Amino acid sequence: TVLPAELAPAETLLEQLDPRTTRVGVVGFAGDGDPETYDADVYAPLTTEYDKVRQALAQIRELGPQGRTNMMAAVRLATVEVMGSESAVSTPRSGAQRIILFLTDGKPTLPHEVSVHENRRLAVEAASKSARLGVRIDTFAIGREALDDPLASIEMARATQGIFTPVLAPHELQSVFEKVTFSEIQTLEVVNRSNGKPAAHLTRAADGSFSALVPLEARNKQ
């Protein structure tokens, strides 16, 4: 299934983030058409304890693919969590950059079982409300089913000034996530101001954190 191909890159992404600055949470979504049950669930609230995130991903892997696709429910719940709203499990944090990485291997088949068009409209409407709260949604449509009708994913990203990424072969998602960035830094240079030499082995993580090796030279004593 596509699910393992979605979970592995998510685990890889954790290695690229800095828990001192970046909290991560997990929301899973599917749907069964029953209005009495939830189509989206918080598997891990926003946290800097990444092992809890890994446990959440492992739980989803164990459960396996579930039902159909309610994108609207996913966007609504994920927005509640990143905002730290009153009903959220996650705690709010002022001044945070709020980003949802939305992965789907299908098209919106719920909440209306007979109208993909209406489900698409509701998903985009939910994303537009998220945008008004300052939330950005980067969407990833994975596999042939998702790419047969990617309009919901495209419009959700557009409505929030996010990025839409089509991934035809699920195994390619790993390399895609290795290049993901959601910092607003366009260029980064680290230079030793004493001698003007640039840093060696400069690396920048998806959240904007970085590391570098700066060559040093001994100063001559006068």
N, C-alpha and C. Protein backbone atom coordinates (compact mmCIF):
# COMPACT_ATOMS: atom_id res chain seq x y z
N THR A 1 0.84 -1.19 0.00
CA THR A 1 0.00 0.00 0.00
C THR A 1 0.87 1.24 0.00
N VAL A 2 0.22 2.38 -0.20
CA VAL A 2 0.94 3.66 -0.21
C VAL A 2 1.31 4.08 1.22
N LEU A 3 0.55 3.62 2.21
CA LEU A 3 0.74 4.09 3.58
C LEU A 3 2.18 3.97 4.08
N PRO A 4 2.85 2.81 3.94
CA PRO A 4 4.24 2.74 4.42
C PRO A 4 5.15 3.75 3.72
N ALA A 5 4.86 4.02 2.45
CA ALA A 5 5.67 4.98 1.70
C ALA A 5 5.45 6.40 2.21
N GLU A 6 4.32 6.66 2.87
CA GLU A 6 4.06 7.97 3.46
C GLU A 6 4.72 8.10 4.83
N LEU A 7 4.75 7.01 5.57
CA LEU A 7 5.23 7.06 6.95
C LEU A 7 6.76 7.15 7.03
N ALA A 8 7.45 6.44 6.17
CA ALA A 8 8.91 6.44 6.22
C ALA A 8 9.50 7.84 6.01
N PRO A 9 9.05 8.60 5.01
CA PRO A 9 9.58 9.96 4.85
C PRO A 9 9.24 10.86 6.03
N ALA A 10 8.08 10.64 6.64
CA ALA A 10 7.73 11.45 7.81
C ALA A 10 8.74 11.22 8.94
N GLU A 11 9.17 9.97 9.09
CA GLU A 11 10.19 9.69 10.09
C GLU A 11 11.52 10.32 9.70
N THR A 12 11.83 10.31 8.40
CA THR A 12 13.05 10.95 7.93
C THR A 12 13.03 12.44 8.22
N LEU A 13 11.88 13.05 8.03
CA LEU A 13 11.76 14.49 8.25
C LEU A 13 12.11 14.85 9.69
N LEU A 14 11.75 14.00 10.63
CA LEU A 14 12.07 14.27 12.04
C LEU A 14 13.57 14.44 12.26
N GLU A 15 14.35 13.70 11.47
CA GLU A 15 15.81 13.80 11.60
C GLU A 15 16.33 15.14 11.10
N GLN A 16 15.52 15.85 10.32
CA GLN A 16 15.95 17.12 9.75
C GLN A 16 15.50 18.32 10.59
N LEU A 17 14.72 18.07 11.62
CA LEU A 17 14.15 19.16 12.41
C LEU A 17 14.86 19.30 13.74
N ASP A 18 14.75 20.48 14.33
CA ASP A 18 15.39 20.79 15.60
C ASP A 18 14.32 20.89 16.68
N PRO A 19 14.28 19.96 17.63
CA PRO A 19 13.24 20.00 18.65
C PRO A 19 13.33 21.23 19.56
N ARG A 20 14.46 21.92 19.52
CA ARG A 20 14.57 23.14 20.34
C ARG A 20 13.72 24.27 19.77
N THR A 21 13.39 24.18 18.49
CA THR A 21 12.63 25.27 17.85
C THR A 21 11.32 24.80 17.21
N THR A 22 11.20 23.51 16.94
CA THR A 22 10.09 23.03 16.10
C THR A 22 9.30 21.93 16.80
N ARG A 23 8.01 22.15 16.95
CA ARG A 23 7.11 21.12 17.46
C ARG A 23 6.46 20.38 16.28
N VAL A 24 6.20 19.12 16.47
CA VAL A 24 5.59 18.28 15.43
C VAL A 24 4.43 17.51 16.05
N GLY A 25 3.34 17.38 15.29
CA GLY A 25 2.22 16.56 15.71
C GLY A 25 1.76 15.70 14.55
N VAL A 26 0.86 14.76 14.82
CA VAL A 26 0.37 13.85 13.78
C VAL A 26 -1.16 13.77 13.86
N VAL A 27 -1.79 14.03 12.72
CA VAL A 27 -3.23 13.82 12.56
C VAL A 27 -3.43 12.81 11.45
N GLY A 28 -4.20 11.76 11.71
CA GLY A 28 -4.52 10.78 10.69
C GLY A 28 -5.98 10.93 10.29
N PHE A 29 -6.29 10.63 9.04
CA PHE A 29 -7.68 10.78 8.59
C PHE A 29 -8.04 9.70 7.59
N ALA A 30 -9.32 9.32 7.62
CA ALA A 30 -9.86 8.34 6.68
C ALA A 30 -11.35 8.63 6.55
N GLY A 31 -12.20 7.75 7.08
CA GLY A 31 -13.64 7.98 7.05
C GLY A 31 -14.43 6.74 6.68
N ASP A 32 -15.62 6.61 7.30
CA ASP A 32 -16.47 5.46 7.03
C ASP A 32 -17.89 5.85 6.65
N GLY A 33 -18.15 7.15 6.53
CA GLY A 33 -19.48 7.60 6.16
C GLY A 33 -20.47 7.63 7.30
N ASP A 34 -20.04 7.25 8.51
CA ASP A 34 -20.91 7.27 9.68
C ASP A 34 -20.77 8.62 10.38
N PRO A 35 -21.82 9.43 10.44
CA PRO A 35 -21.72 10.75 11.07
C PRO A 35 -21.46 10.69 12.56
N GLU A 36 -21.63 9.51 13.17
CA GLU A 36 -21.42 9.37 14.61
C GLU A 36 -19.97 9.08 14.97
N THR A 37 -19.13 8.83 13.97
CA THR A 37 -17.72 8.55 14.23
C THR A 37 -16.85 9.64 13.64
N TYR A 38 -15.65 9.81 14.22
CA TYR A 38 -14.72 10.82 13.75
C TYR A 38 -13.93 10.31 12.55
N ASP A 39 -13.77 11.17 11.55
CA ASP A 39 -13.00 10.80 10.36
C ASP A 39 -11.54 11.24 10.45
N ALA A 40 -11.20 11.99 11.50
CA ALA A 40 -9.81 12.42 11.71
C ALA A 40 -9.50 12.34 13.20
N ASP A 41 -8.28 11.95 13.53
CA ASP A 41 -7.89 11.77 14.92
C ASP A 41 -6.49 12.33 15.15
N VAL A 42 -6.26 12.82 16.36
CA VAL A 42 -4.94 13.28 16.77
C VAL A 42 -4.17 12.08 17.32
N TYR A 43 -3.15 11.66 16.63
CA TYR A 43 -2.32 10.55 17.10
C TYR A 43 -1.17 11.06 17.97
N ALA A 44 -0.77 12.29 17.74
CA ALA A 44 0.25 12.91 18.59
C ALA A 44 0.02 14.42 18.57
N PRO A 45 -0.19 15.05 19.73
CA PRO A 45 -0.30 16.52 19.77
C PRO A 45 1.06 17.14 19.48
N LEU A 46 1.07 18.42 19.19
CA LEU A 46 2.34 19.10 18.92
C LEU A 46 3.29 18.92 20.10
N THR A 47 4.50 18.48 19.80
CA THR A 47 5.46 18.17 20.86
C THR A 47 6.88 18.32 20.34
N THR A 48 7.80 18.54 21.26
CA THR A 48 9.22 18.52 20.92
C THR A 48 9.84 17.17 21.25
N GLU A 49 9.05 16.26 21.79
CA GLU A 49 9.52 14.91 22.09
C GLU A 49 9.24 14.04 20.87
N TYR A 50 10.18 13.98 19.98
CA TYR A 50 9.97 13.33 18.70
C TYR A 50 9.74 11.83 18.81
N ASP A 51 10.17 11.22 19.90
CA ASP A 51 9.90 9.79 20.07
C ASP A 51 8.40 9.53 20.15
N LYS A 52 7.66 10.49 20.71
CA LYS A 52 6.19 10.34 20.77
C LYS A 52 5.60 10.42 19.36
N VAL A 53 6.20 11.22 18.52
CA VAL A 53 5.75 11.31 17.12
C VAL A 53 6.04 10.00 16.41
N ARG A 54 7.21 9.44 16.65
CA ARG A 54 7.55 8.15 16.04
C ARG A 54 6.58 7.05 16.50
N GLN A 55 6.21 7.08 17.76
CA GLN A 55 5.25 6.11 18.27
C GLN A 55 3.90 6.26 17.58
N ALA A 56 3.50 7.51 17.33
CA ALA A 56 2.24 7.76 16.63
C ALA A 56 2.29 7.21 15.21
N LEU A 57 3.40 7.41 14.53
CA LEU A 57 3.55 6.89 13.17
C LEU A 57 3.52 5.36 13.18
N ALA A 58 4.13 4.77 14.20
CA ALA A 58 4.12 3.31 14.31
C ALA A 58 2.70 2.80 14.55
N GLN A 59 1.92 3.55 15.32
CA GLN A 59 0.54 3.16 15.57
C GLN A 59 -0.28 3.18 14.28
N ILE A 60 -0.07 4.22 13.47
CA ILE A 60 -0.78 4.31 12.19
C ILE A 60 -0.36 3.16 11.27
N ARG A 61 0.93 2.85 11.28
CA ARG A 61 1.42 1.74 10.45
C ARG A 61 0.78 0.42 10.87
N GLU A 62 0.63 0.22 12.16
CA GLU A 62 0.03 -1.01 12.67
C GLU A 62 -1.46 -1.10 12.30
N LEU A 63 -2.16 0.03 12.35
CA LEU A 63 -3.58 0.04 12.02
C LEU A 63 -3.81 -0.24 10.53
N GLY A 64 -2.90 0.24 9.70
CA GLY A 64 -3.03 0.05 8.26
C GLY A 64 -4.03 1.01 7.65
N PRO A 65 -4.25 0.95 6.34
CA PRO A 65 -5.19 1.83 5.65
C PRO A 65 -6.60 1.68 6.22
N GLN A 66 -7.29 2.80 6.39
CA GLN A 66 -8.62 2.80 6.98
C GLN A 66 -9.61 3.53 6.09
N GLY A 67 -10.61 2.85 5.58
CA GLY A 67 -11.76 3.48 4.95
C GLY A 67 -11.46 4.42 3.81
N ARG A 68 -12.28 5.49 3.76
CA ARG A 68 -12.22 6.44 2.65
C ARG A 68 -11.52 7.73 3.06
N THR A 69 -11.78 8.83 2.35
CA THR A 69 -10.94 10.02 2.49
C THR A 69 -11.78 11.26 2.78
N ASN A 70 -11.67 11.76 4.01
CA ASN A 70 -12.36 12.99 4.39
C ASN A 70 -11.33 14.09 4.60
N MET A 71 -11.00 14.79 3.53
CA MET A 71 -9.99 15.84 3.59
C MET A 71 -10.46 17.01 4.45
N MET A 72 -11.72 17.35 4.37
CA MET A 72 -12.24 18.46 5.15
C MET A 72 -12.01 18.24 6.64
N ALA A 73 -12.32 17.02 7.12
CA ALA A 73 -12.13 16.72 8.54
C ALA A 73 -10.67 16.83 8.93
N ALA A 74 -9.77 16.37 8.04
CA ALA A 74 -8.35 16.43 8.33
C ALA A 74 -7.86 17.86 8.47
N VAL A 75 -8.27 18.71 7.53
CA VAL A 75 -7.82 20.11 7.55
C VAL A 75 -8.36 20.82 8.80
N ARG A 76 -9.61 20.58 9.10
CA ARG A 76 -10.20 21.24 10.27
C ARG A 76 -9.48 20.84 11.56
N LEU A 77 -9.27 19.54 11.74
CA LEU A 77 -8.64 19.08 12.98
C LEU A 77 -7.18 19.51 13.06
N ALA A 78 -6.46 19.40 11.96
CA ALA A 78 -5.05 19.81 11.97
C ALA A 78 -4.92 21.30 12.27
N THR A 79 -5.85 22.10 11.77
CA THR A 79 -5.83 23.54 12.03
C THR A 79 -6.09 23.82 13.50
N VAL A 80 -7.05 23.12 14.08
CA VAL A 80 -7.33 23.27 15.52
C VAL A 80 -6.07 23.00 16.32
N GLU A 81 -5.32 21.97 15.93
CA GLU A 81 -4.12 21.60 16.68
C GLU A 81 -2.98 22.61 16.52
N VAL A 82 -2.70 23.03 15.30
CA VAL A 82 -1.59 23.96 15.11
C VAL A 82 -1.91 25.33 15.72
N MET A 83 -3.20 25.66 15.82
CA MET A 83 -3.58 26.91 16.45
C MET A 83 -3.60 26.80 17.98
N GLY A 84 -3.67 25.56 18.48
CA GLY A 84 -3.81 25.38 19.92
C GLY A 84 -5.13 25.93 20.42
N SER A 85 -6.19 25.72 19.64
CA SER A 85 -7.51 26.24 19.99
C SER A 85 -8.02 25.59 21.27
N GLU A 86 -9.15 26.12 21.75
CA GLU A 86 -9.69 25.66 23.03
C GLU A 86 -9.97 24.16 23.04
N SER A 87 -10.40 23.61 21.91
CA SER A 87 -10.71 22.19 21.84
C SER A 87 -9.50 21.33 21.47
N ALA A 88 -8.34 21.93 21.29
CA ALA A 88 -7.16 21.20 20.84
C ALA A 88 -6.54 20.38 21.96
N VAL A 89 -5.86 19.31 21.59
CA VAL A 89 -5.02 18.57 22.53
C VAL A 89 -3.69 19.29 22.69
N SER A 90 -3.23 19.92 21.62
CA SER A 90 -1.96 20.65 21.64
C SER A 90 -2.12 21.98 22.37
N THR A 91 -1.04 22.41 23.00
CA THR A 91 -1.04 23.70 23.68
C THR A 91 -0.63 24.80 22.70
N PRO A 92 -1.19 26.00 22.84
CA PRO A 92 -0.84 27.08 21.91
C PRO A 92 0.57 27.61 22.18
N ARG A 93 1.17 28.19 21.15
CA ARG A 93 2.47 28.86 21.31
C ARG A 93 2.45 30.11 20.45
N SER A 94 2.57 31.25 21.08
CA SER A 94 2.48 32.51 20.35
C SER A 94 3.70 32.70 19.45
N GLY A 95 3.47 33.33 18.31
CA GLY A 95 4.56 33.65 17.39
C GLY A 95 5.04 32.49 16.55
N ALA A 96 4.39 31.33 16.67
CA ALA A 96 4.85 30.15 15.92
C ALA A 96 4.43 30.23 14.45
N GLN A 97 5.26 29.70 13.58
CA GLN A 97 4.89 29.53 12.18
C GLN A 97 4.08 28.24 12.10
N ARG A 98 2.88 28.33 11.52
CA ARG A 98 1.95 27.20 11.56
C ARG A 98 1.83 26.57 10.16
N ILE A 99 2.31 25.35 10.05
CA ILE A 99 2.36 24.68 8.74
C ILE A 99 1.81 23.27 8.88
N ILE A 100 0.96 22.89 7.93
CA ILE A 100 0.44 21.53 7.84
C ILE A 100 1.05 20.88 6.60
N LEU A 101 1.67 19.73 6.77
CA LEU A 101 2.11 18.92 5.64
C LEU A 101 1.02 17.87 5.42
N PHE A 102 0.28 18.01 4.33
CA PHE A 102 -0.91 17.21 4.08
C PHE A 102 -0.61 16.15 3.04
N LEU A 103 -0.59 14.89 3.46
CA LEU A 103 -0.28 13.78 2.57
C LEU A 103 -1.55 12.99 2.28
N THR A 104 -1.83 12.74 1.01
CA THR A 104 -2.99 11.93 0.65
C THR A 104 -2.68 11.04 -0.54
N ASP A 105 -3.27 9.84 -0.53
CA ASP A 105 -3.14 8.94 -1.67
C ASP A 105 -4.47 8.76 -2.39
N GLY A 106 -5.42 9.69 -2.14
CA GLY A 106 -6.72 9.58 -2.77
C GLY A 106 -7.34 10.93 -3.06
N LYS A 107 -8.60 10.89 -3.44
CA LYS A 107 -9.37 12.10 -3.67
C LYS A 107 -10.44 12.19 -2.57
N PRO A 108 -11.04 13.34 -2.36
CA PRO A 108 -12.01 13.49 -1.26
C PRO A 108 -13.32 12.75 -1.54
N THR A 109 -13.54 11.65 -0.85
CA THR A 109 -14.74 10.84 -1.05
C THR A 109 -15.78 11.03 0.05
N LEU A 110 -15.46 11.84 1.05
CA LEU A 110 -16.37 12.14 2.16
C LEU A 110 -16.25 13.63 2.48
N PRO A 111 -17.25 14.24 3.15
CA PRO A 111 -18.37 13.62 3.88
C PRO A 111 -19.57 13.23 3.02
N HIS A 112 -19.65 13.72 1.78
CA HIS A 112 -20.77 13.37 0.91
C HIS A 112 -20.36 12.18 0.05
N GLU A 113 -21.05 11.07 0.21
CA GLU A 113 -20.64 9.83 -0.45
C GLU A 113 -20.87 9.84 -1.96
N VAL A 114 -21.70 10.76 -2.45
CA VAL A 114 -22.05 10.72 -3.87
C VAL A 114 -21.53 11.93 -4.65
N SER A 115 -20.74 12.80 -4.00
CA SER A 115 -20.31 14.01 -4.69
C SER A 115 -18.87 14.38 -4.35
N VAL A 116 -17.95 13.93 -5.20
CA VAL A 116 -16.55 14.33 -5.03
C VAL A 116 -16.42 15.84 -5.18
N HIS A 117 -17.21 16.42 -6.08
CA HIS A 117 -17.16 17.87 -6.30
C HIS A 117 -17.48 18.62 -5.01
N GLU A 118 -18.53 18.21 -4.31
CA GLU A 118 -18.89 18.88 -3.06
C GLU A 118 -17.85 18.64 -1.98
N ASN A 119 -17.30 17.45 -1.92
CA ASN A 119 -16.25 17.17 -0.95
C ASN A 119 -15.01 18.02 -1.21
N ARG A 120 -14.71 18.20 -2.50
CA ARG A 120 -13.58 19.05 -2.86
C ARG A 120 -13.83 20.49 -2.41
N ARG A 121 -15.04 20.96 -2.66
CA ARG A 121 -15.38 22.34 -2.27
C ARG A 121 -15.25 22.52 -0.76
N LEU A 122 -15.72 21.56 0.01
CA LEU A 122 -15.65 21.66 1.47
C LEU A 122 -14.21 21.62 1.97
N ALA A 123 -13.37 20.81 1.33
CA ALA A 123 -11.96 20.74 1.73
C ALA A 123 -11.25 22.06 1.46
N VAL A 124 -11.51 22.65 0.30
CA VAL A 124 -10.88 23.92 -0.05
C VAL A 124 -11.43 25.05 0.84
N GLU A 125 -12.70 24.97 1.15
CA GLU A 125 -13.30 25.97 2.05
C GLU A 125 -12.66 25.89 3.44
N ALA A 126 -12.43 24.68 3.92
CA ALA A 126 -11.75 24.51 5.20
C ALA A 126 -10.33 25.08 5.15
N ALA A 127 -9.64 24.85 4.03
CA ALA A 127 -8.28 25.39 3.87
C ALA A 127 -8.29 26.91 3.84
N SER A 128 -9.30 27.49 3.21
CA SER A 128 -9.39 28.95 3.15
C SER A 128 -9.57 29.54 4.55
N LYS A 129 -10.35 28.87 5.38
CA LYS A 129 -10.50 29.31 6.76
C LYS A 129 -9.18 29.19 7.52
N SER A 130 -8.43 28.14 7.23
CA SER A 130 -7.11 27.97 7.85
C SER A 130 -6.19 29.11 7.45
N ALA A 131 -6.26 29.49 6.17
CA ALA A 131 -5.42 30.58 5.68
C ALA A 131 -5.70 31.87 6.42
N ARG A 132 -6.95 32.12 6.71
CA ARG A 132 -7.31 33.35 7.43
C ARG A 132 -6.75 33.36 8.85
N LEU A 133 -6.42 32.19 9.35
CA LEU A 133 -5.80 32.08 10.68
C LEU A 133 -4.28 32.08 10.61
N GLY A 134 -3.75 32.23 9.40
CA GLY A 134 -2.31 32.26 9.24
C GLY A 134 -1.67 30.90 9.10
N VAL A 135 -2.45 29.89 8.72
CA VAL A 135 -1.93 28.53 8.56
C VAL A 135 -1.61 28.28 7.09
N ARG A 136 -0.47 27.69 6.84
CA ARG A 136 -0.06 27.30 5.49
C ARG A 136 -0.18 25.79 5.35
N ILE A 137 -0.68 25.33 4.22
CA ILE A 137 -0.82 23.90 3.96
C ILE A 137 -0.01 23.52 2.72
N ASP A 138 1.00 22.70 2.91
CA ASP A 138 1.74 22.11 1.79
C ASP A 138 1.15 20.73 1.54
N THR A 139 0.70 20.48 0.32
CA THR A 139 0.01 19.23 0.01
C THR A 139 0.86 18.31 -0.86
N PHE A 140 0.71 17.02 -0.65
CA PHE A 140 1.43 16.00 -1.40
C PHE A 140 0.41 14.97 -1.88
N ALA A 141 0.18 14.91 -3.18
CA ALA A 141 -0.72 13.92 -3.78
C ALA A 141 0.13 12.75 -4.24
N ILE A 142 -0.12 11.57 -3.66
CA ILE A 142 0.80 10.45 -3.82
C ILE A 142 0.12 9.28 -4.52
N GLY A 143 0.65 8.87 -5.64
CA GLY A 143 0.13 7.72 -6.35
C GLY A 143 -0.90 8.10 -7.41
N ARG A 144 -1.26 7.11 -8.20
CA ARG A 144 -2.12 7.36 -9.36
C ARG A 144 -3.52 7.83 -8.97
N GLU A 145 -4.10 7.25 -7.93
CA GLU A 145 -5.46 7.64 -7.56
C GLU A 145 -5.51 9.10 -7.16
N ALA A 146 -4.55 9.53 -6.37
CA ALA A 146 -4.52 10.94 -5.94
C ALA A 146 -4.28 11.88 -7.12
N LEU A 147 -3.49 11.42 -8.08
CA LEU A 147 -3.15 12.28 -9.21
C LEU A 147 -4.17 12.22 -10.34
N ASP A 148 -5.09 11.25 -10.28
CA ASP A 148 -6.18 11.23 -11.25
C ASP A 148 -7.11 12.42 -11.05
N ASP A 149 -7.21 12.89 -9.80
CA ASP A 149 -8.07 14.04 -9.48
C ASP A 149 -7.41 14.83 -8.36
N PRO A 150 -6.36 15.61 -8.68
CA PRO A 150 -5.61 16.31 -7.64
C PRO A 150 -6.12 17.71 -7.31
N LEU A 151 -7.28 18.09 -7.85
CA LEU A 151 -7.73 19.48 -7.71
C LEU A 151 -7.85 19.93 -6.26
N ALA A 152 -8.36 19.05 -5.39
CA ALA A 152 -8.50 19.44 -3.98
C ALA A 152 -7.14 19.77 -3.38
N SER A 153 -6.16 18.91 -3.63
CA SER A 153 -4.82 19.15 -3.09
C SER A 153 -4.21 20.43 -3.66
N ILE A 154 -4.40 20.65 -4.95
CA ILE A 154 -3.87 21.85 -5.59
C ILE A 154 -4.49 23.11 -5.00
N GLU A 155 -5.82 23.10 -4.89
CA GLU A 155 -6.52 24.30 -4.42
C GLU A 155 -6.31 24.55 -2.94
N MET A 156 -6.16 23.50 -2.14
CA MET A 156 -5.87 23.69 -0.71
C MET A 156 -4.53 24.38 -0.52
N ALA A 157 -3.53 23.95 -1.28
CA ALA A 157 -2.23 24.60 -1.20
C ALA A 157 -2.31 26.05 -1.68
N ARG A 158 -2.99 26.26 -2.79
CA ARG A 158 -3.10 27.61 -3.35
C ARG A 158 -3.81 28.55 -2.38
N ALA A 159 -4.86 28.07 -1.73
CA ALA A 159 -5.64 28.92 -0.84
C ALA A 159 -4.85 29.37 0.37
N THR A 160 -3.81 28.61 0.74
CA THR A 160 -3.03 28.93 1.94
C THR A 160 -1.61 29.39 1.62
N GLN A 161 -1.35 29.66 0.33
CA GLN A 161 -0.01 30.04 -0.13
C GLN A 161 1.01 28.94 0.18
N GLY A 162 0.53 27.71 0.10
CA GLY A 162 1.42 26.58 0.30
C GLY A 162 1.94 26.04 -1.02
N ILE A 163 2.54 24.87 -0.96
CA ILE A 163 3.15 24.25 -2.14
C ILE A 163 2.47 22.90 -2.39
N PHE A 164 2.05 22.68 -3.63
CA PHE A 164 1.49 21.39 -4.04
C PHE A 164 2.60 20.57 -4.70
N THR A 165 2.76 19.32 -4.25
CA THR A 165 3.78 18.45 -4.81
C THR A 165 3.15 17.14 -5.27
N PRO A 166 3.16 16.87 -6.60
CA PRO A 166 2.67 15.58 -7.09
C PRO A 166 3.78 14.53 -7.00
N VAL A 167 3.42 13.34 -6.52
CA VAL A 167 4.40 12.25 -6.38
C VAL A 167 3.78 11.01 -7.02
N LEU A 168 4.17 10.72 -8.25
CA LEU A 168 3.55 9.61 -8.97
C LEU A 168 3.91 8.27 -8.36
N ALA A 169 5.19 8.04 -8.13
CA ALA A 169 5.64 6.77 -7.55
C ALA A 169 5.83 6.95 -6.05
N PRO A 170 5.08 6.23 -5.21
CA PRO A 170 5.15 6.44 -3.76
C PRO A 170 6.56 6.36 -3.19
N HIS A 171 7.40 5.48 -3.75
CA HIS A 171 8.76 5.35 -3.19
C HIS A 171 9.59 6.62 -3.40
N GLU A 172 9.16 7.50 -4.32
CA GLU A 172 9.90 8.74 -4.55
C GLU A 172 9.65 9.78 -3.46
N LEU A 173 8.66 9.54 -2.61
CA LEU A 173 8.34 10.51 -1.56
C LEU A 173 9.51 10.69 -0.60
N GLN A 174 10.29 9.63 -0.42
CA GLN A 174 11.45 9.72 0.47
C GLN A 174 12.40 10.81 0.01
N SER A 175 12.76 10.81 -1.26
CA SER A 175 13.69 11.83 -1.77
C SER A 175 13.04 13.21 -1.79
N VAL A 176 11.72 13.25 -2.00
CA VAL A 176 11.00 14.54 -1.97
C VAL A 176 11.10 15.15 -0.59
N PHE A 177 10.89 14.36 0.44
CA PHE A 177 10.92 14.88 1.81
C PHE A 177 12.32 15.29 2.24
N GLU A 178 13.32 14.71 1.65
CA GLU A 178 14.69 15.10 1.98
C GLU A 178 14.97 16.53 1.53
N LYS A 179 14.13 17.05 0.60
CA LYS A 179 14.33 18.40 0.09
C LYS A 179 13.27 19.38 0.59
N VAL A 180 12.38 18.91 1.44
CA VAL A 180 11.30 19.77 1.94
C VAL A 180 11.87 20.91 2.76
N THR A 181 11.32 22.09 2.57
CA THR A 181 11.69 23.22 3.42
C THR A 181 10.46 24.06 3.68
N PHE A 182 10.27 24.47 4.92
CA PHE A 182 9.18 25.38 5.21
C PHE A 182 9.67 26.59 6.00
N SER A 183 10.97 26.84 5.92
CA SER A 183 11.48 28.09 6.46
C SER A 183 11.37 29.15 5.37
N GLU A 184 11.41 30.40 5.77
CA GLU A 184 11.30 31.49 4.81
C GLU A 184 12.67 32.06 4.46
N ILE A 185 13.72 31.32 4.76
CA ILE A 185 15.08 31.75 4.43
C ILE A 185 15.37 31.39 2.98
N GLN A 186 15.71 32.36 2.18
CA GLN A 186 15.99 32.12 0.77
C GLN A 186 17.43 31.69 0.55
N THR A 187 18.36 32.39 1.17
CA THR A 187 19.78 32.03 1.05
C THR A 187 20.42 32.11 2.42
N LEU A 188 21.47 31.32 2.62
CA LEU A 188 22.17 31.28 3.90
C LEU A 188 23.67 31.18 3.65
N GLU A 189 24.42 32.08 4.25
CA GLU A 189 25.87 32.03 4.15
C GLU A 189 26.46 32.20 5.56
N VAL A 190 27.48 31.42 5.85
CA VAL A 190 28.21 31.54 7.11
C VAL A 190 29.67 31.81 6.76
N VAL A 191 30.19 32.91 7.28
CA VAL A 191 31.54 33.35 6.91
C VAL A 191 32.32 33.72 8.16
N ASN A 192 33.58 33.35 8.19
CA ASN A 192 34.49 33.81 9.24
C ASN A 192 34.85 35.26 8.93
N ARG A 193 34.36 36.19 9.72
CA ARG A 193 34.56 37.61 9.42
C ARG A 193 36.00 38.05 9.62
N SER A 194 36.79 37.25 10.33
CA SER A 194 38.19 37.63 10.53
C SER A 194 39.01 37.44 9.27
N ASN A 195 38.73 36.36 8.53
CA ASN A 195 39.53 36.09 7.34
C ASN A 195 38.71 36.02 6.05
N GLY A 196 37.40 36.17 6.18
CA GLY A 196 36.55 36.19 4.98
C GLY A 196 36.29 34.85 4.34
N LYS A 197 36.71 33.77 5.00
CA LYS A 197 36.54 32.45 4.41
C LYS A 197 35.15 31.91 4.72
N PRO A 198 34.51 31.30 3.70
CA PRO A 198 33.18 30.73 3.93
C PRO A 198 33.25 29.44 4.73
N ALA A 199 32.15 29.11 5.33
CA ALA A 199 32.07 27.89 6.11
C ALA A 199 32.14 26.66 5.20
N ALA A 200 32.65 25.59 5.75
CA ALA A 200 32.65 24.31 5.04
C ALA A 200 31.49 23.46 5.56
N HIS A 201 30.94 22.63 4.70
CA HIS A 201 29.89 21.69 5.10
C HIS A 201 28.69 22.39 5.73
N LEU A 202 28.23 23.43 5.06
CA LEU A 202 27.05 24.15 5.53
C LEU A 202 25.80 23.35 5.19
N THR A 203 24.99 23.06 6.18
CA THR A 203 23.74 22.34 5.96
C THR A 203 22.60 23.10 6.61
N ARG A 204 21.44 23.07 5.94
CA ARG A 204 20.26 23.76 6.46
C ARG A 204 19.10 22.79 6.53
N ALA A 205 18.42 22.74 7.66
CA ALA A 205 17.31 21.82 7.85
C ALA A 205 16.01 22.44 7.33
N ALA A 206 14.98 21.61 7.25
CA ALA A 206 13.70 22.05 6.70
C ALA A 206 13.09 23.20 7.49
N ASP A 207 13.36 23.25 8.79
CA ASP A 207 12.76 24.30 9.62
C ASP A 207 13.62 25.56 9.72
N GLY A 208 14.72 25.61 8.96
CA GLY A 208 15.57 26.79 8.96
C GLY A 208 16.77 26.69 9.88
N SER A 209 16.80 25.70 10.76
CA SER A 209 17.98 25.52 11.60
C SER A 209 19.15 25.08 10.72
N PHE A 210 20.37 25.38 11.14
CA PHE A 210 21.52 25.09 10.29
C PHE A 210 22.74 24.78 11.14
N SER A 211 23.73 24.20 10.48
CA SER A 211 25.02 23.93 11.11
C SER A 211 26.11 24.13 10.07
N ALA A 212 27.30 24.45 10.54
CA ALA A 212 28.41 24.68 9.61
C ALA A 212 29.73 24.52 10.34
N LEU A 213 30.76 24.20 9.58
CA LEU A 213 32.13 24.16 10.10
C LEU A 213 32.85 25.40 9.59
N VAL A 214 33.35 26.22 10.50
CA VAL A 214 34.01 27.46 10.12
C VAL A 214 35.51 27.33 10.34
N PRO A 215 36.32 27.49 9.28
CA PRO A 215 37.78 27.39 9.46
C PRO A 215 38.31 28.53 10.31
N LEU A 216 39.15 28.19 11.26
CA LEU A 216 39.76 29.19 12.15
C LEU A 216 41.26 29.24 11.90
N GLU A 217 41.83 30.40 12.16
CA GLU A 217 43.27 30.57 12.02
C GLU A 217 43.81 31.22 13.28
N ALA A 218 44.99 30.78 13.69
CA ALA A 218 45.60 31.36 14.88
C ALA A 218 46.01 32.80 14.61
N ARG A 219 45.78 33.67 15.56
CA ARG A 219 46.18 35.08 15.42
C ARG A 219 47.61 35.25 15.91
N ASN A 220 48.40 36.03 15.16
CA ASN A 220 49.77 36.32 15.60
C ASN A 220 49.75 37.33 16.73
N LYS A 221 50.44 37.03 17.79
CA LYS A 221 50.52 37.98 18.91
C LYS A 221 51.47 39.12 18.58
N GLN A 222 51.09 40.33 18.89
CA GLN A 222 51.92 41.49 18.63
C GLN A 222 52.80 41.78 19.85
